[in-house]
Protein backbone atom coordinates (compact mmCIF):
# COMPACT_ATOMS: atom_id res chain seq x y z
CA UNK A 1 -17.47 -10.99 -10.92
CA UNK A 2 -16.02 -7.50 -10.74
CA UNK A 3 -17.85 -4.20 -10.78
CA UNK A 4 -16.66 -0.61 -10.82
CA UNK A 5 -16.75 0.48 -7.18
CA UNK A 6 -15.84 4.13 -7.76
CA UNK A 7 -16.05 5.63 -11.22
CA UNK A 8 -12.90 7.71 -11.15
CA UNK A 9 -9.88 7.47 -13.42
CA UNK A 10 -6.47 7.63 -11.74
CA UNK A 11 -3.36 7.91 -13.84
CA UNK A 12 -1.62 5.83 -11.19
CA UNK A 13 -4.18 4.59 -8.67
CA UNK A 14 -2.52 3.07 -5.61
CA UNK A 15 -2.50 2.39 -1.89
CA UNK A 16 -6.12 1.40 -1.09
CA UNK A 17 -6.97 0.74 2.56
CA UNK A 18 -10.31 0.32 4.31
CA UNK A 19 -11.08 2.26 7.50
CA UNK A 20 -13.62 0.11 9.36
CA UNK A 21 -14.33 2.78 11.98
CA UNK A 22 -15.47 5.26 9.34
CA UNK A 23 -16.64 2.74 6.71
CA UNK A 24 -14.44 4.50 4.17
CA UNK A 25 -12.13 3.42 1.38
CA UNK A 26 -8.96 5.50 1.02
CA UNK A 27 -6.70 5.49 -2.03
CA UNK A 28 -4.41 7.71 -4.13
CA UNK A 29 -3.49 8.86 -7.60
CA UNK A 30 0.28 9.10 -7.23
CA UNK A 31 0.94 10.96 -10.47
CA UNK A 32 -2.19 13.08 -10.07
CA UNK A 33 -1.04 13.93 -6.52
CA UNK A 34 -4.50 13.24 -5.11
CA UNK A 35 -6.00 11.54 -2.06
CA UNK A 36 -9.49 10.03 -2.27
CA UNK A 37 -11.71 9.19 0.70
CA UNK A 38 -14.93 7.42 -0.26
CA UNK A 39 -17.87 6.55 1.99
CA UNK A 40 -19.12 3.03 1.35
CA UNK A 41 -22.48 4.03 2.85
CA UNK A 42 -23.18 7.03 0.61
CA UNK A 43 -20.66 6.57 -2.23
CA UNK A 44 -19.59 10.19 -1.69
CA UNK A 45 -15.95 10.83 -2.55
CA UNK A 46 -13.86 13.49 -0.86
CA UNK A 47 -10.82 14.45 -2.95
CA UNK A 48 -7.74 16.39 -1.87
CA UNK A 49 -4.86 17.60 -4.05
CA UNK A 50 -1.25 18.14 -3.01
CA UNK A 51 1.87 19.67 -4.52
CA UNK A 52 3.85 16.42 -4.53
CA UNK A 53 3.20 12.73 -5.24
CA UNK A 54 1.34 10.90 -2.46
CA UNK A 55 1.00 7.13 -2.29
CA UNK A 56 -0.14 5.47 0.95
CA UNK A 57 -2.28 6.04 4.03
CA UNK A 58 -1.97 4.91 7.63
CA UNK A 59 -4.73 4.82 10.24
CA UNK A 60 -3.75 5.85 13.75
CA UNK A 61 -4.82 4.61 17.17
CA UNK A 62 -6.11 8.13 17.87
CA UNK A 63 -8.25 8.17 14.73
CA UNK A 64 -5.97 10.48 12.75
CA UNK A 65 -5.03 9.86 9.13
CA UNK A 66 -1.35 9.77 8.18
CA UNK A 67 -0.02 9.81 4.62
CA UNK A 68 3.15 8.92 2.73
CA UNK A 69 4.29 11.75 0.46
CA UNK A 70 7.43 12.52 -1.49
CA UNK A 71 8.76 14.62 1.40
CA UNK A 72 7.94 12.12 4.12
CA UNK A 73 5.18 11.25 6.58
CA UNK A 74 2.23 13.65 6.87
CA UNK A 75 -0.72 14.12 9.21
CA UNK A 76 -3.78 14.87 7.05
CA UNK A 77 -7.05 16.48 8.08
CA UNK A 78 -9.72 14.38 6.39
CA UNK A 79 -12.23 17.14 5.77
CA UNK A 80 -9.97 20.01 4.70
CA UNK A 81 -7.04 18.10 3.25
CA UNK A 82 -4.58 20.21 5.24
CA UNK A 83 -1.33 18.22 5.49
CA UNK A 84 1.41 18.74 8.07
CA UNK A 85 4.80 17.08 7.62
CA UNK A 86 5.62 15.23 10.84
CA UNK A 87 8.64 13.21 9.68
CA UNK A 88 10.86 13.99 6.67
CA UNK A 89 12.02 10.93 4.70
CA UNK A 90 14.99 11.15 2.32
CA UNK A 91 15.02 14.94 2.53
CA UNK A 92 18.47 14.86 0.93
CA UNK A 93 17.22 12.86 -2.11
CA UNK A 94 14.89 14.99 -4.25
CA UNK A 95 14.88 12.34 -6.98
CA UNK A 96 12.79 9.96 -4.84
CA UNK A 97 9.17 9.72 -3.69
CA UNK A 98 7.13 7.42 -1.49
CA UNK A 99 5.58 4.28 -2.93
CA UNK A 100 3.97 1.17 -1.46
CA UNK A 101 3.90 1.41 2.37
CA UNK A 102 1.82 -0.09 5.20
CA UNK A 103 1.32 -0.11 8.95
CA UNK A 104 2.86 -3.25 10.40
CA UNK A 105 2.88 -5.15 13.67
CA UNK A 106 3.62 -3.18 16.80
CA UNK A 107 2.16 0.00 15.32
CA UNK A 108 5.27 0.62 13.21
CA UNK A 109 5.20 1.67 9.55
CA UNK A 110 7.09 0.09 6.67
CA UNK A 111 7.70 3.09 4.40
CA UNK A 112 8.90 2.45 0.82
CA UNK A 113 10.60 4.92 -1.52
CA UNK A 114 11.64 4.86 -5.18
CA UNK A 115 13.07 7.07 -7.89
CA UNK A 116 10.59 9.50 -9.46
CA UNK A 117 11.92 8.50 -12.88
CA UNK A 118 12.31 4.82 -11.97
CA UNK A 119 16.01 5.21 -11.25
CA UNK A 120 17.41 1.74 -10.50
CA UNK A 121 18.21 1.16 -6.83
CA UNK A 122 17.32 4.72 -5.80
CA UNK A 123 14.80 3.71 -3.15
CA UNK A 124 14.62 1.91 0.15
CA UNK A 125 12.24 0.48 2.74
CA UNK A 126 12.27 2.10 6.17
CA UNK A 127 10.89 1.09 9.56
CA UNK A 128 9.27 3.96 11.46
CA UNK A 129 8.37 3.50 15.12
CA UNK A 130 7.55 5.65 18.12
CA UNK A 131 10.54 6.57 20.27
CA UNK A 132 11.08 4.34 23.29
CA UNK A 133 11.66 7.51 25.31
CA UNK A 134 8.17 8.33 26.53
CA UNK A 135 9.25 11.90 27.39
CA UNK A 136 9.80 12.55 23.69
CA UNK A 137 7.38 12.59 20.76
CA UNK A 138 9.92 11.56 18.17
CA UNK A 139 9.86 8.92 15.46
CA UNK A 140 12.79 6.53 15.14
CA UNK A 141 13.78 5.50 11.60
CA UNK A 142 15.70 2.40 10.60
CA UNK A 143 16.60 1.26 7.07
CA UNK A 144 15.32 -2.26 6.43
CA UNK A 145 16.28 -2.67 2.77
CA UNK A 146 18.34 -0.41 0.51
CA UNK A 147 19.06 -0.28 -3.24
CA UNK A 148 15.38 -0.82 -4.00
CA UNK A 149 13.97 0.20 -7.37
CA UNK A 150 10.18 -0.14 -6.90
CA UNK A 151 9.06 -1.33 -3.43
CA UNK A 152 5.73 -3.13 -3.47
CA UNK A 153 3.63 -5.97 -2.00
CA UNK A 154 4.16 -4.84 1.60
CA UNK A 155 1.78 -6.84 3.83
CA UNK A 156 1.77 -8.92 7.00
CA UNK A 157 0.22 -12.11 8.36
CA UNK A 158 -2.50 -11.94 11.02
CA UNK A 159 -0.16 -13.14 13.78
CA UNK A 160 2.38 -10.45 12.89
CA UNK A 161 5.19 -12.96 12.52
CA UNK A 162 5.73 -12.75 8.77
CA UNK A 163 6.11 -9.90 6.29
CA UNK A 164 5.94 -9.95 2.50
CA UNK A 165 7.47 -7.38 0.15
CA UNK A 166 9.03 -7.10 -3.28
CA UNK A 167 11.17 -5.01 -5.58
CA UNK A 168 8.94 -5.20 -8.67
CA UNK A 169 11.66 -5.33 -11.39
CA UNK A 170 13.10 -8.45 -9.72
CA UNK A 171 9.75 -10.22 -10.24
CA UNK A 172 9.94 -12.02 -6.90
CA UNK A 173 7.74 -11.67 -3.83
CA UNK A 174 9.89 -12.10 -0.74
CA UNK A 175 9.02 -13.14 2.80
CA UNK A 176 10.80 -12.54 6.08
CA UNK A 177 10.15 -13.41 9.72
CA UNK A 178 9.46 -10.40 11.91
CA UNK A 179 9.02 -9.63 15.59
CA UNK A 180 5.27 -9.13 16.14
CA UNK A 181 5.97 -6.69 18.97
CA UNK A 182 8.13 -4.34 16.90
CA UNK A 183 7.58 -5.23 13.25
CA UNK A 184 11.35 -5.54 12.80
CA UNK A 185 12.79 -8.34 10.62
CA UNK A 186 14.39 -11.42 12.12
CA UNK A 187 17.00 -13.00 9.88
CA UNK A 188 17.15 -12.65 6.11
CA UNK A 189 14.42 -12.66 3.45
CA UNK A 190 13.72 -15.63 1.21
CA UNK A 191 11.71 -16.08 -1.98
CA UNK A 192 7.99 -16.62 -1.43
CA UNK A 193 6.93 -16.62 -5.09
CA UNK A 194 9.20 -16.35 -8.13
CA UNK A 195 7.18 -14.74 -10.93
CA UNK A 196 10.09 -14.28 -13.34
CA UNK A 197 9.42 -17.51 -15.30
CA UNK A 198 5.92 -16.18 -16.08
CA UNK A 199 7.21 -12.65 -16.72
CA UNK A 200 4.77 -11.27 -14.17
CA UNK A 201 5.35 -8.01 -12.32
CA UNK A 202 4.23 -8.04 -8.67
CA UNK A 203 2.64 -4.84 -7.42
CA UNK A 204 0.64 -4.24 -4.22
CA UNK A 205 -0.53 -7.13 -2.05
CA UNK A 206 -2.67 -7.98 0.96
CA UNK A 207 -3.16 -11.05 3.18
CA UNK A 208 -6.55 -12.69 3.82
CA UNK A 209 -7.79 -14.42 6.98
CA UNK A 210 -6.61 -17.81 5.68
CA UNK A 211 -3.05 -16.53 5.27
CA UNK A 212 -3.18 -16.33 1.47
CA UNK A 213 -1.47 -13.45 -0.32
CA UNK A 214 -3.47 -11.54 -2.96
CA UNK A 215 -1.10 -9.79 -5.36
CA UNK A 216 -1.92 -7.22 -8.05
CA UNK A 217 0.15 -7.91 -11.16
CA UNK A 218 1.04 -4.89 -13.28
CA UNK A 219 0.50 -5.48 -16.98
CA UNK A 220 -1.35 -8.79 -16.50
CA UNK A 221 -4.94 -7.54 -15.96
CA UNK A 222 -5.32 -9.59 -12.80
CA UNK A 223 -4.98 -10.05 -9.08
CA UNK A 224 -3.60 -13.47 -8.10
CA UNK A 225 -3.87 -15.53 -4.93
CA UNK A 226 -0.99 -17.55 -3.45
CA UNK A 227 -1.31 -19.92 -0.52
CA UNK A 228 0.80 -19.59 2.63
CA UNK A 229 3.25 -22.04 1.04
CA UNK A 230 3.60 -19.86 -2.08
CA UNK A 231 1.58 -22.09 -4.39
CA UNK A 232 -0.72 -20.44 -6.93
CA UNK A 233 -4.38 -20.78 -5.95
CA UNK A 234 -6.34 -18.71 -8.46
CA UNK A 235 -6.53 -15.38 -10.23
CA UNK A 236 -9.27 -12.86 -10.96
CA UNK A 237 -9.20 -11.09 -14.31
CA UNK A 238 -10.02 -7.39 -14.46
CA UNK A 239 -10.76 -4.99 -17.37
CA UNK A 240 -7.53 -3.01 -17.06
CA UNK A 241 -4.01 -4.20 -17.73
CA UNK A 242 -2.26 -2.12 -15.07
CA UNK A 243 -3.64 -3.50 -11.80
CA UNK A 244 -1.87 -1.92 -8.86
CA UNK A 245 -3.09 -2.91 -5.38
CA UNK A 246 -5.88 -4.84 -3.61
CA UNK A 247 -7.44 -4.42 -0.17
CA UNK A 248 -10.27 -6.12 1.68
CA UNK A 249 -13.09 -4.00 3.06
CA UNK A 250 -16.79 -3.69 3.73
CA UNK A 251 -18.64 -4.63 6.89
CA UNK A 252 -17.59 -8.29 6.69
CA UNK A 253 -14.22 -7.64 4.98
CA UNK A 254 -15.36 -9.79 2.07
CA UNK A 255 -15.17 -7.13 -0.64
CA UNK A 256 -11.86 -6.99 -2.49
CA UNK A 257 -11.22 -3.46 -3.74
CA UNK A 258 -8.57 -3.13 -6.44
CA UNK A 259 -6.95 0.02 -7.83
CA UNK A 260 -5.62 0.43 -11.36
CA UNK A 261 -3.78 2.89 -13.62
CA UNK A 262 -3.95 4.34 -17.12
CA UNK A 263 -0.35 5.59 -17.08
CA UNK A 264 1.06 5.36 -20.62
CA UNK A 265 -2.04 3.67 -22.04
CA UNK A 266 -4.41 4.49 -24.87
CA UNK A 267 -7.51 5.24 -22.81
CA UNK A 268 -9.77 4.48 -25.76
CA UNK A 269 -8.48 0.91 -25.75
CA UNK A 270 -8.84 0.56 -21.95
CA UNK A 271 -11.73 2.85 -20.96
CA UNK A 272 -11.90 1.49 -17.40
CA UNK A 273 -8.17 1.79 -16.69
CA UNK A 274 -7.66 3.89 -13.56
CA UNK A 275 -10.94 2.88 -11.93
CA UNK A 276 -11.37 1.22 -8.55
CA UNK A 277 -12.93 -2.24 -8.89
CA UNK A 278 -14.82 -4.31 -6.33
CA UNK A 279 -15.15 -8.09 -6.17
CA UNK A 280 -17.37 -9.96 -3.71
CA UNK A 281 -15.28 -12.75 -2.19
CA UNK A 282 -15.89 -16.01 -0.34
CA UNK A 283 -13.00 -15.28 2.02
CA UNK A 284 -12.54 -12.33 4.36
CA UNK A 285 -9.54 -10.07 4.69
CA UNK A 286 -7.89 -8.61 7.77
CA UNK A 287 -8.57 -5.23 9.39
CA UNK A 288 -5.93 -2.63 8.62
CA UNK A 289 -3.48 -2.21 11.49
CA UNK A 290 -3.31 1.17 13.22
CA UNK A 291 -0.10 3.02 13.93
CA UNK A 292 0.88 4.44 17.31
CA UNK A 293 3.31 6.99 15.91
CA UNK A 294 3.18 10.46 17.50
CA UNK A 295 1.51 13.13 15.40
CA UNK A 296 4.09 15.78 16.23
CA UNK A 297 7.87 15.78 16.51
CA UNK A 298 9.89 17.03 19.46
């Protein structure tokens, strides 16, 4: 059974991750241009506002917090909210912003972008890693997938050998083998789950300790579980139609936190849309990986 974990209302809630070191849940309101950091111990929420859309967070080996924004990758001070751009992304494309992104195997980041007005094929998915030259503090960028409309469902198996991702309008969750040392793809992607026959729209996703993929499905009021072979296992209904992204957290990683959105909705009809929900699970999730990217360039 679900409950409201944090009684906020995000126009486009997204990107939840759990920081086990700090016992904090981190998430965003992309349209509201806000970052939320909530203590699970005290329920206190720290909120920071920015002058551009922000969408995803990355924990670092050094304990720093990094953030995906419309201009690129930022280093964020948790207490003050001061943000320093450490790596521009698509600086020559003002029509795009960051979307679903996650730290992957090898400390690299899969960084997704999309059109601010949902322009078809305007986005991409990039691979960001620390430079092999130890005398430098640069970040190397490689394009993994181009002509992407809405990147989502970015997540990885525990052994770091498989990645999942999607382009939401295509209504298919894809899988691809990756090098666990670098997080780089090996070969070509294939279909993991085809949701088109059910007219379901895959949004954010996360993998549990049994290798199942939990996928938020925009417009369907649910988060759904698929086995490692892609077969449907079960779904959990939630009191908001626009479910955006799940993450496992809590001391035993058995709480599933799920963000939602009220974008374009009649809020009287869906009063809980935009809240963060929590569901106590019988399966645990995986700790969020930490990036080893340098905090400064050059």
